[in-house]
Amino acid sequence: MTDIRFIDRPCGAGKTTEQISTLDPRKQWLIVVPFLDEQTRWKEHAGIPLEVAPDDCNKTDWLRQNVLEGNSIVCTHKLFDLVDLDRTDLSEYELIIDEVFDCVESIHGVKEEVFERVYIGEGYASVDPATGRVTPTAKWIAHSLEAEKLAATVRNDLYQKAKQGSLYKVDGKGFFVSIVPVELFTSPRSCTVLTYQAESSQMVGYLRRLGIPFRIDRSDDEAFKHGLRQRLVVRDIPALRDTQMTHTAQEKMRKEGAKKVSTSLLNLRKRELVGVEAEGIMLSCNKSKWHDQDDNPKGLFAKGSGLSKINFLPKTTRGTNKYRHCSHAIYLNDLRLNPAEKEWLGWSKEQEDLWALSELLQWVMRSRLREGDYVSLYLASPRMKALLEDFLDNKKEEEVATLLAA
């Protein structure tokens, strides 16, 4: 059984640096990082050769070939998720994952009645009553080559996920999720994950849901919290207190609703942020509201905000030092799990809150907090502000400990 462990230490505690310095040249390593610049960091500072995929190649084929040759490798989360497990043997590798990533993703499935009548009733699939895992039958496999002809009845994209073993149905809800193949974690010799607040991550929830053993080596974070209390100034955006800022709510906003957001940002720019260089500000919201189709900062929130030249970071950004110069941060998101993901994980509202807090902490720690400097954080969501303040004030510690032990 693969030894899966999480090294749980606060952001900026040197987890990555320590791991880079201890790579044993007698072993085969597969290092998985969030971003391309982190690949460079590992390659340049490791005491052993690490292969990195060139730009002009089929990266999945490149990875498989390097595994066949037994080379030590550093790749991104995205490439790791594409490993062809049928043709790639990771059994000789020590796996290090720098920062957790989402292992469960909601997908657009079919209506409950259609699934029961066609997929189950006509014998294309079976569903494990305990886990919800959808498995294609011989009938579905036999007809897969005619997928285009069957498109109106049985979707080929669902077949591909079911064939891979990654399609799960949420009992009685009409929801479907696609999960990362668990063999990515269980087939290597060992699996070490570097992160902070592992217990509230989706990855731990995923492993627990599937009954995969793991352990968490957690360091005391009281000094980290004390430092945040001293250096992080938490503020709200009064004009947006009554505005819904979930992912869905932002997507539904049209010109009138978005104008309220951009005007609030402009007022912030003219007052609290006056004199602050754009390069020193980081911001997060739905990407579609900040960028246009050409990926320029001309979305509805950016227009008229006076902030189009700031650093935009996706709402769940982790594991990068690129923005450690930023002194001001604006977080417009009210983080909520997709209902299908939450249902499959079996999480309560309190567990969802802990996940949202963890993602916010990871995001704001991309700033110059990593350098020990002061940062001002502006939050649009009263809920997100309350979660962060409770964490900093050590409120509900007993309740949190009970939830994490459940």
Protein backbone atom coordinates (compact mmCIF):
# COMPACT_ATOMS: atom_id res chain seq x y z
CA MET A 1 0.00 0.00 0.00
CA THR A 2 1.35 3.42 -0.97
CA ASP A 3 2.29 5.60 1.97
CA ILE A 4 0.29 8.80 1.39
CA ARG A 5 1.16 11.64 3.71
CA PHE A 6 0.48 15.35 3.88
CA ILE A 7 3.13 17.71 5.23
CA ASP A 8 0.88 20.39 6.71
CA ARG A 9 2.74 23.59 7.52
CA PRO A 10 1.82 27.28 7.16
CA CYS A 11 2.41 29.09 3.89
CA GLY A 12 5.97 30.39 3.67
CA ALA A 13 7.33 27.86 6.19
CA GLY A 14 9.82 26.44 3.69
CA LYS A 15 8.11 23.14 2.83
CA THR A 16 9.17 23.25 -0.81
CA THR A 17 12.73 24.39 -0.11
CA GLU A 18 13.18 21.56 2.37
CA GLN A 19 11.90 18.93 -0.05
CA ILE A 20 14.10 20.22 -2.88
CA SER A 21 17.18 19.86 -0.67
CA THR A 22 16.45 16.24 0.32
CA LEU A 23 15.94 14.53 -3.05
CA ASP A 24 17.84 11.21 -3.03
CA PRO A 25 19.63 10.59 -6.38
CA ARG A 26 19.21 6.82 -5.89
CA LYS A 27 15.44 7.13 -6.24
CA GLN A 28 13.12 8.02 -9.10
CA TRP A 29 11.13 11.19 -8.45
CA LEU A 30 7.96 12.60 -9.96
CA ILE A 31 7.46 16.17 -8.77
CA VAL A 32 4.09 17.82 -9.46
CA VAL A 33 3.81 21.62 -9.14
CA PRO A 34 1.08 24.20 -9.82
CA PHE A 35 2.84 26.44 -12.33
CA LEU A 36 5.56 26.45 -14.97
CA ASP A 37 7.74 28.86 -12.99
CA GLU A 38 7.73 26.38 -10.09
CA GLN A 39 9.06 23.74 -12.51
CA THR A 40 12.01 26.03 -13.13
CA ARG A 41 12.56 26.52 -9.41
CA TRP A 42 12.73 22.78 -8.74
CA LYS A 43 14.96 22.08 -11.73
CA GLU A 44 17.43 24.86 -10.90
CA HIS A 45 17.76 24.10 -7.18
CA ALA A 46 17.46 20.30 -7.01
CA GLY A 47 20.68 18.39 -6.48
CA ILE A 48 19.63 15.80 -9.05
CA PRO A 49 18.70 16.03 -12.75
CA LEU A 50 14.99 16.70 -13.28
CA GLU A 51 13.43 16.44 -16.73
CA VAL A 52 10.98 19.16 -17.83
CA ALA A 53 8.68 18.83 -20.85
CA PRO A 54 9.69 21.07 -23.78
CA ASP A 55 7.03 23.33 -25.25
CA ASP A 56 6.96 21.74 -28.70
CA CYS A 57 5.91 18.18 -27.86
CA ASN A 58 2.97 15.98 -26.96
CA LYS A 59 3.39 16.28 -23.21
CA THR A 60 1.53 13.10 -22.25
CA ASP A 61 3.70 11.07 -24.63
CA TRP A 62 6.79 12.86 -23.32
CA LEU A 63 5.87 12.00 -19.72
CA ARG A 64 5.20 8.35 -20.54
CA GLN A 65 8.54 8.04 -22.38
CA ASN A 66 10.49 9.59 -19.49
CA VAL A 67 8.78 7.25 -17.02
CA LEU A 68 9.75 4.29 -19.23
CA GLU A 69 13.35 5.52 -19.14
CA GLY A 70 13.24 5.90 -15.35
CA ASN A 71 14.06 9.62 -15.38
CA SER A 72 13.20 11.92 -12.50
CA ILE A 73 10.62 14.43 -13.65
CA VAL A 74 8.99 17.69 -12.64
CA CYS A 75 5.65 18.55 -14.27
CA THR A 76 2.54 20.63 -13.65
CA HIS A 77 -0.69 19.59 -11.94
CA LYS A 78 -2.38 19.83 -15.33
CA LEU A 79 -0.04 17.34 -16.99
CA PHE A 80 -0.16 14.98 -14.02
CA ASP A 81 -3.96 14.84 -14.31
CA LEU A 82 -3.55 13.61 -17.93
CA VAL A 83 -1.32 10.61 -17.13
CA ASP A 84 -2.42 7.57 -19.13
CA LEU A 85 -2.40 4.98 -16.35
CA ASP A 86 -3.05 2.12 -18.78
CA ARG A 87 0.34 2.77 -20.42
CA THR A 88 2.34 4.49 -17.65
CA ASP A 89 3.75 2.53 -14.72
CA LEU A 90 4.48 4.78 -11.73
CA SER A 91 5.25 1.95 -9.31
CA GLU A 92 8.97 2.81 -9.04
CA TYR A 93 8.40 6.51 -8.39
CA GLU A 94 8.40 8.66 -5.27
CA LEU A 95 5.65 11.22 -5.88
CA ILE A 96 5.76 14.73 -4.42
CA ILE A 97 2.76 16.99 -5.00
CA ASP A 98 3.50 20.63 -4.22
CA GLU A 99 0.10 22.01 -3.12
CA VAL A 100 -3.20 20.18 -3.26
CA PHE A 101 -5.42 20.41 -6.33
CA ASP A 102 -9.11 19.70 -6.88
CA CYS A 103 -9.80 16.00 -7.32
CA VAL A 104 -13.57 16.24 -7.81
CA GLU A 105 -15.25 18.18 -10.59
CA SER A 106 -18.95 18.51 -11.32
CA ILE A 107 -19.95 17.68 -14.88
CA HIS A 108 -23.06 18.31 -16.89
CA GLY A 109 -24.77 14.94 -16.84
CA VAL A 110 -28.27 13.92 -17.90
CA LYS A 111 -31.59 14.21 -16.11
CA GLU A 112 -32.36 11.62 -13.47
CA GLU A 113 -35.22 10.09 -15.44
CA VAL A 114 -33.13 9.86 -18.63
CA PHE A 115 -30.29 8.16 -16.79
CA GLU A 116 -32.63 5.62 -15.20
CA ARG A 117 -34.59 4.95 -18.41
CA VAL A 118 -31.75 4.87 -20.95
CA TYR A 119 -28.42 4.22 -19.22
CA ILE A 120 -29.73 1.81 -16.60
CA GLY A 121 -32.98 0.63 -18.17
CA GLU A 122 -31.47 -0.13 -21.57
CA GLY A 123 -28.40 -1.75 -20.07
CA TYR A 124 -25.60 0.68 -20.89
CA ALA A 125 -24.31 1.22 -17.35
CA SER A 126 -24.41 0.00 -13.78
CA VAL A 127 -24.00 2.05 -10.61
CA ASP A 128 -22.26 0.88 -7.45
CA PRO A 129 -24.86 1.45 -4.70
CA ALA A 130 -22.16 2.17 -2.11
CA THR A 131 -19.93 4.64 -3.97
CA GLY A 132 -22.03 5.81 -6.93
CA ARG A 133 -19.32 4.77 -9.38
CA VAL A 134 -20.72 4.40 -12.90
CA THR A 135 -19.37 1.43 -14.90
CA PRO A 136 -20.07 0.86 -18.60
CA THR A 137 -21.56 -2.52 -19.48
CA ALA A 138 -20.49 -4.72 -22.39
CA LYS A 139 -23.32 -3.18 -24.39
CA TRP A 140 -22.00 0.35 -23.94
CA ILE A 141 -18.44 -0.74 -24.70
CA ALA A 142 -19.56 -2.60 -27.83
CA HIS A 143 -21.35 0.46 -29.12
CA SER A 144 -18.65 2.98 -28.20
CA LEU A 145 -17.16 2.94 -31.71
CA GLU A 146 -20.49 4.25 -32.98
CA ALA A 147 -20.56 7.05 -30.43
CA GLU A 148 -21.52 9.72 -32.91
CA LYS A 149 -24.61 7.80 -33.96
CA LEU A 150 -25.57 7.32 -30.33
CA ALA A 151 -24.97 10.92 -29.34
CA ALA A 152 -28.67 11.69 -29.07
CA THR A 153 -29.20 8.77 -26.69
CA VAL A 154 -25.96 7.90 -24.90
CA ARG A 155 -23.25 10.54 -24.54
CA ASN A 156 -19.75 9.53 -25.53
CA ASP A 157 -18.09 11.95 -23.10
CA LEU A 158 -19.83 10.18 -20.23
CA TYR A 159 -18.70 6.85 -21.66
CA GLN A 160 -15.07 7.94 -21.74
CA LYS A 161 -15.20 8.99 -18.09
CA ALA A 162 -17.04 5.82 -17.11
CA LYS A 163 -14.48 3.71 -18.99
CA GLN A 164 -11.69 5.51 -17.12
CA GLY A 165 -13.46 4.78 -13.84
CA SER A 166 -13.82 8.45 -12.97
CA LEU A 167 -17.58 8.94 -13.42
CA TYR A 168 -19.70 8.95 -10.28
CA LYS A 169 -23.40 9.60 -9.78
CA VAL A 170 -24.72 11.33 -6.68
CA ASP A 171 -27.54 9.18 -5.37
CA GLY A 172 -30.99 10.53 -6.15
CA LYS A 173 -29.79 14.02 -7.01
CA GLY A 174 -29.35 13.89 -10.77
CA PHE A 175 -25.76 15.11 -10.19
CA PHE A 176 -22.60 13.65 -11.65
CA VAL A 177 -18.96 14.22 -10.77
CA SER A 178 -15.71 13.27 -12.44
CA ILE A 179 -12.89 12.38 -10.09
CA VAL A 180 -9.14 12.10 -10.55
CA PRO A 181 -8.22 8.39 -10.93
CA VAL A 182 -7.19 7.31 -7.45
CA GLU A 183 -4.36 5.22 -8.92
CA LEU A 184 -2.45 8.47 -9.45
CA PHE A 185 -1.98 8.50 -5.67
CA THR A 186 -1.93 4.77 -4.92
CA SER A 187 0.34 3.38 -7.67
CA PRO A 188 3.65 5.19 -6.85
CA ARG A 189 5.96 3.90 -4.10
CA SER A 190 5.08 6.90 -1.95
CA CYS A 191 3.02 10.07 -2.20
CA THR A 192 3.91 13.23 -0.29
CA VAL A 193 1.69 16.32 -0.50
CA LEU A 194 2.94 19.73 0.63
CA THR A 195 0.19 22.09 1.76
CA TYR A 196 -1.41 24.05 4.61
CA GLN A 197 -4.69 23.12 6.31
CA ALA A 198 -4.78 19.76 4.60
CA GLU A 199 -7.85 18.59 6.52
CA SER A 200 -10.07 21.19 4.87
CA SER A 201 -8.81 20.48 1.34
CA GLN A 202 -10.90 18.78 -1.30
CA MET A 203 -8.06 16.28 -1.83
CA VAL A 204 -8.32 14.95 1.72
CA GLY A 205 -12.11 14.84 1.42
CA TYR A 206 -11.73 12.83 -1.79
CA LEU A 207 -9.34 10.30 -0.23
CA ARG A 208 -11.54 9.94 2.83
CA ARG A 209 -14.65 9.46 0.66
CA LEU A 210 -12.92 6.61 -1.22
CA GLY A 211 -11.53 5.02 1.94
CA ILE A 212 -7.88 5.54 0.93
CA PRO A 213 -5.55 5.59 3.98
CA PHE A 214 -3.37 8.66 4.51
CA ARG A 215 -1.74 10.55 7.34
CA ILE A 216 -1.20 14.21 8.07
CA ASP A 217 2.01 15.51 9.66
CA ARG A 218 0.78 18.83 11.00
CA SER A 219 2.92 21.56 12.55
CA ASP A 220 1.67 24.07 15.09
CA ASP A 221 0.46 27.23 13.33
CA GLU A 222 -0.06 29.58 16.28
CA ALA A 223 3.02 31.66 15.40
CA PHE A 224 1.73 31.91 11.82
CA LYS A 225 -1.67 33.12 13.03
CA HIS A 226 -0.03 35.62 15.37
CA GLY A 227 1.97 37.01 12.46
CA LEU A 228 -1.17 37.36 10.35
CA ARG A 229 -2.98 39.14 13.15
CA GLN A 230 -0.14 41.65 13.28
CA ARG A 231 0.37 42.18 9.54
CA LEU A 232 -2.94 41.56 7.77
CA VAL A 233 -5.46 44.41 7.77
CA VAL A 234 -8.90 42.98 6.94
CA ARG A 235 -11.52 45.34 5.50
CA ASP A 236 -14.82 45.00 3.69
CA ILE A 237 -16.24 46.82 0.66
CA PRO A 238 -19.34 48.51 2.12
CA ALA A 239 -21.09 49.08 -1.21
CA LEU A 240 -21.04 45.32 -1.92
CA ARG A 241 -22.18 44.02 1.47
CA ASP A 242 -25.64 43.16 0.12
CA THR A 243 -24.45 41.90 -3.28
CA GLN A 244 -24.28 38.16 -3.94
CA MET A 245 -20.75 37.34 -5.11
CA THR A 246 -20.78 33.56 -5.53
CA HIS A 247 -19.45 32.17 -8.81
CA THR A 248 -23.00 31.65 -10.11
CA ALA A 249 -24.14 35.11 -9.04
CA GLN A 250 -21.19 36.76 -10.76
CA GLU A 251 -21.81 34.80 -13.96
CA LYS A 252 -25.43 35.97 -14.01
CA MET A 253 -24.55 39.65 -13.61
CA ARG A 254 -25.26 41.84 -16.58
CA LYS A 255 -24.32 45.48 -17.13
CA GLU A 256 -26.38 46.97 -14.31
CA GLY A 257 -25.19 44.57 -11.61
CA ALA A 258 -21.62 44.60 -12.87
CA LYS A 259 -21.64 48.42 -12.92
CA LYS A 260 -22.23 48.40 -9.16
CA VAL A 261 -19.10 46.27 -8.72
CA SER A 262 -16.91 48.34 -11.04
CA THR A 263 -18.08 51.58 -9.41
CA SER A 264 -17.27 50.16 -5.97
CA LEU A 265 -13.80 49.29 -7.20
CA LEU A 266 -13.34 52.76 -8.69
CA ASN A 267 -14.28 54.35 -5.35
CA LEU A 268 -11.82 52.04 -3.62
CA ARG A 269 -9.15 53.06 -6.12
CA LYS A 270 -9.78 56.79 -5.54
CA ARG A 271 -9.82 56.52 -1.77
CA GLU A 272 -8.10 53.70 0.12
CA LEU A 273 -5.90 52.73 -2.84
CA VAL A 274 -4.97 56.22 -4.02
CA GLY A 275 -1.25 56.37 -4.70
CA VAL A 276 -0.80 52.58 -4.69
CA GLU A 277 0.95 51.34 -7.83
CA ALA A 278 -1.21 48.96 -9.90
CA GLU A 279 1.62 46.41 -9.84
CA GLY A 280 1.27 46.26 -6.06
CA ILE A 281 -2.40 45.24 -6.15
CA MET A 282 -3.79 41.72 -6.68
CA LEU A 283 -7.45 40.96 -7.33
CA SER A 284 -9.70 37.96 -7.81
CA CYS A 285 -13.20 37.48 -9.21
CA ASN A 286 -14.73 35.32 -11.95
CA LYS A 287 -12.32 35.45 -14.87
CA SER A 288 -15.19 36.08 -17.30
CA LYS A 289 -16.00 39.28 -15.46
CA TRP A 290 -12.46 40.64 -15.59
CA HIS A 291 -11.32 39.52 -19.05
CA ASP A 292 -12.86 39.68 -22.49
CA GLN A 293 -12.75 36.92 -25.11
CA ASP A 294 -9.21 37.94 -26.07
CA ASP A 295 -8.06 37.61 -22.44
CA ASN A 296 -7.69 41.37 -22.03
CA PRO A 297 -8.77 43.05 -18.74
CA LYS A 298 -11.86 44.56 -20.32
CA GLY A 299 -14.60 42.53 -18.63
CA LEU A 300 -17.63 44.13 -17.02
CA PHE A 301 -15.99 44.40 -13.59
CA ALA A 302 -12.75 45.83 -14.99
CA LYS A 303 -14.38 48.50 -17.18
CA GLY A 304 -14.47 51.79 -15.34
CA SER A 305 -12.83 50.33 -12.23
CA GLY A 306 -9.52 52.16 -12.59
CA LEU A 307 -7.87 48.82 -11.83
CA SER A 308 -7.44 47.21 -15.24
CA LYS A 309 -3.63 47.10 -14.86
CA ILE A 310 -3.53 45.23 -11.53
CA ASN A 311 -2.52 41.57 -11.08
CA PHE A 312 -5.44 39.22 -11.63
CA LEU A 313 -5.23 35.90 -9.76
CA PRO A 314 -7.80 33.08 -10.00
CA LYS A 315 -9.72 32.62 -6.76
CA THR A 316 -7.99 29.36 -5.76
CA THR A 317 -4.41 30.30 -6.64
CA ARG A 318 -1.79 28.38 -4.65
CA GLY A 319 1.92 27.65 -4.70
CA THR A 320 3.39 30.64 -6.52
CA ASN A 321 5.76 33.39 -5.36
CA LYS A 322 5.13 35.58 -8.37
CA TYR A 323 3.02 38.11 -6.47
CA ARG A 324 4.97 38.36 -3.24
CA HIS A 325 5.54 42.07 -3.87
CA CYS A 326 1.81 42.93 -3.63
CA SER A 327 0.81 45.14 -0.69
CA HIS A 328 -2.95 45.29 -1.34
CA ALA A 329 -5.41 42.53 -2.22
CA ILE A 330 -9.05 42.58 -3.34
CA TYR A 331 -11.03 39.34 -3.09
CA LEU A 332 -14.49 39.63 -4.64
CA ASN A 333 -15.48 35.96 -4.31
CA ASP A 334 -17.87 34.23 -1.95
CA LEU A 335 -16.53 30.69 -2.30
CA ARG A 336 -19.06 27.86 -2.46
CA LEU A 337 -18.62 24.30 -3.62
CA ASN A 338 -20.64 23.13 -6.58
CA PRO A 339 -23.64 21.21 -5.13
CA ALA A 340 -22.65 18.00 -6.95
CA GLU A 341 -19.13 18.13 -5.51
CA LYS A 342 -20.38 18.92 -2.00
CA GLU A 343 -22.93 16.12 -2.15
CA TRP A 344 -20.41 13.54 -3.39
CA LEU A 345 -17.89 14.51 -0.72
CA GLY A 346 -20.62 14.34 1.91
CA TRP A 347 -19.57 17.68 3.37
CA SER A 348 -21.62 19.78 5.77
CA LYS A 349 -21.94 23.56 5.58
CA GLU A 350 -19.27 23.85 8.27
CA GLN A 351 -16.83 21.73 6.29
CA GLU A 352 -17.53 23.82 3.20
CA ASP A 353 -16.74 26.94 5.26
CA LEU A 354 -13.40 25.48 6.34
CA TRP A 355 -12.56 24.74 2.70
CA ALA A 356 -13.48 28.31 1.69
CA LEU A 357 -11.31 29.73 4.48
CA SER A 358 -8.37 27.56 3.44
CA GLU A 359 -8.60 28.71 -0.18
CA LEU A 360 -8.76 32.37 0.90
CA LEU A 361 -5.70 31.96 3.13
CA GLN A 362 -3.75 30.35 0.31
CA TRP A 363 -4.74 33.17 -2.04
CA VAL A 364 -3.84 36.09 0.23
CA MET A 365 -0.54 34.41 1.15
CA ARG A 366 0.61 34.94 -2.45
CA SER A 367 1.14 38.58 -1.39
CA ARG A 368 4.04 40.20 0.47
CA LEU A 369 2.79 38.59 3.67
CA ARG A 370 5.36 35.98 2.64
CA GLU A 371 8.02 38.65 3.14
CA GLY A 372 6.82 39.59 6.61
CA ASP A 373 5.29 42.86 5.40
CA TYR A 374 1.89 44.44 6.00
CA VAL A 375 -0.97 43.78 3.57
CA SER A 376 -4.45 45.28 3.30
CA LEU A 377 -7.15 42.83 2.19
CA TYR A 378 -10.55 44.00 0.93
CA LEU A 379 -13.34 41.42 0.95
CA ALA A 380 -16.66 41.79 -0.87
CA SER A 381 -18.33 38.89 0.97
CA PRO A 382 -19.33 39.40 4.63
CA ARG A 383 -19.25 35.62 5.03
CA MET A 384 -15.65 35.32 3.83
CA LYS A 385 -14.64 38.23 6.09
CA ALA A 386 -16.29 36.59 9.11
CA LEU A 387 -14.60 33.23 8.40
CA LEU A 388 -11.18 34.88 8.20
CA GLU A 389 -11.70 36.96 11.34
CA ASP A 390 -12.87 33.92 13.29
CA PHE A 391 -9.72 32.09 12.22
CA LEU A 392 -7.44 34.97 13.23
CA ASP A 393 -9.24 35.35 16.57
CA ASN A 394 -9.12 31.59 17.27
CA LYS A 395 -12.90 31.50 17.54
CA LYS A 396 -14.80 28.19 17.44
CA GLU A 397 -11.56 26.21 17.92
CA GLU A 398 -13.32 23.35 19.67
CA GLU A 399 -15.99 23.17 16.98
CA VAL A 400 -13.38 23.09 14.22
CA ALA A 401 -11.35 20.41 15.97
CA THR A 402 -14.47 18.28 16.30
CA LEU A 403 -15.30 18.67 12.60
CA LEU A 404 -11.79 17.79 11.46
CA ALA A 405 -11.72 14.69 13.65
CA ALA A 406 -15.09 13.44 12.34
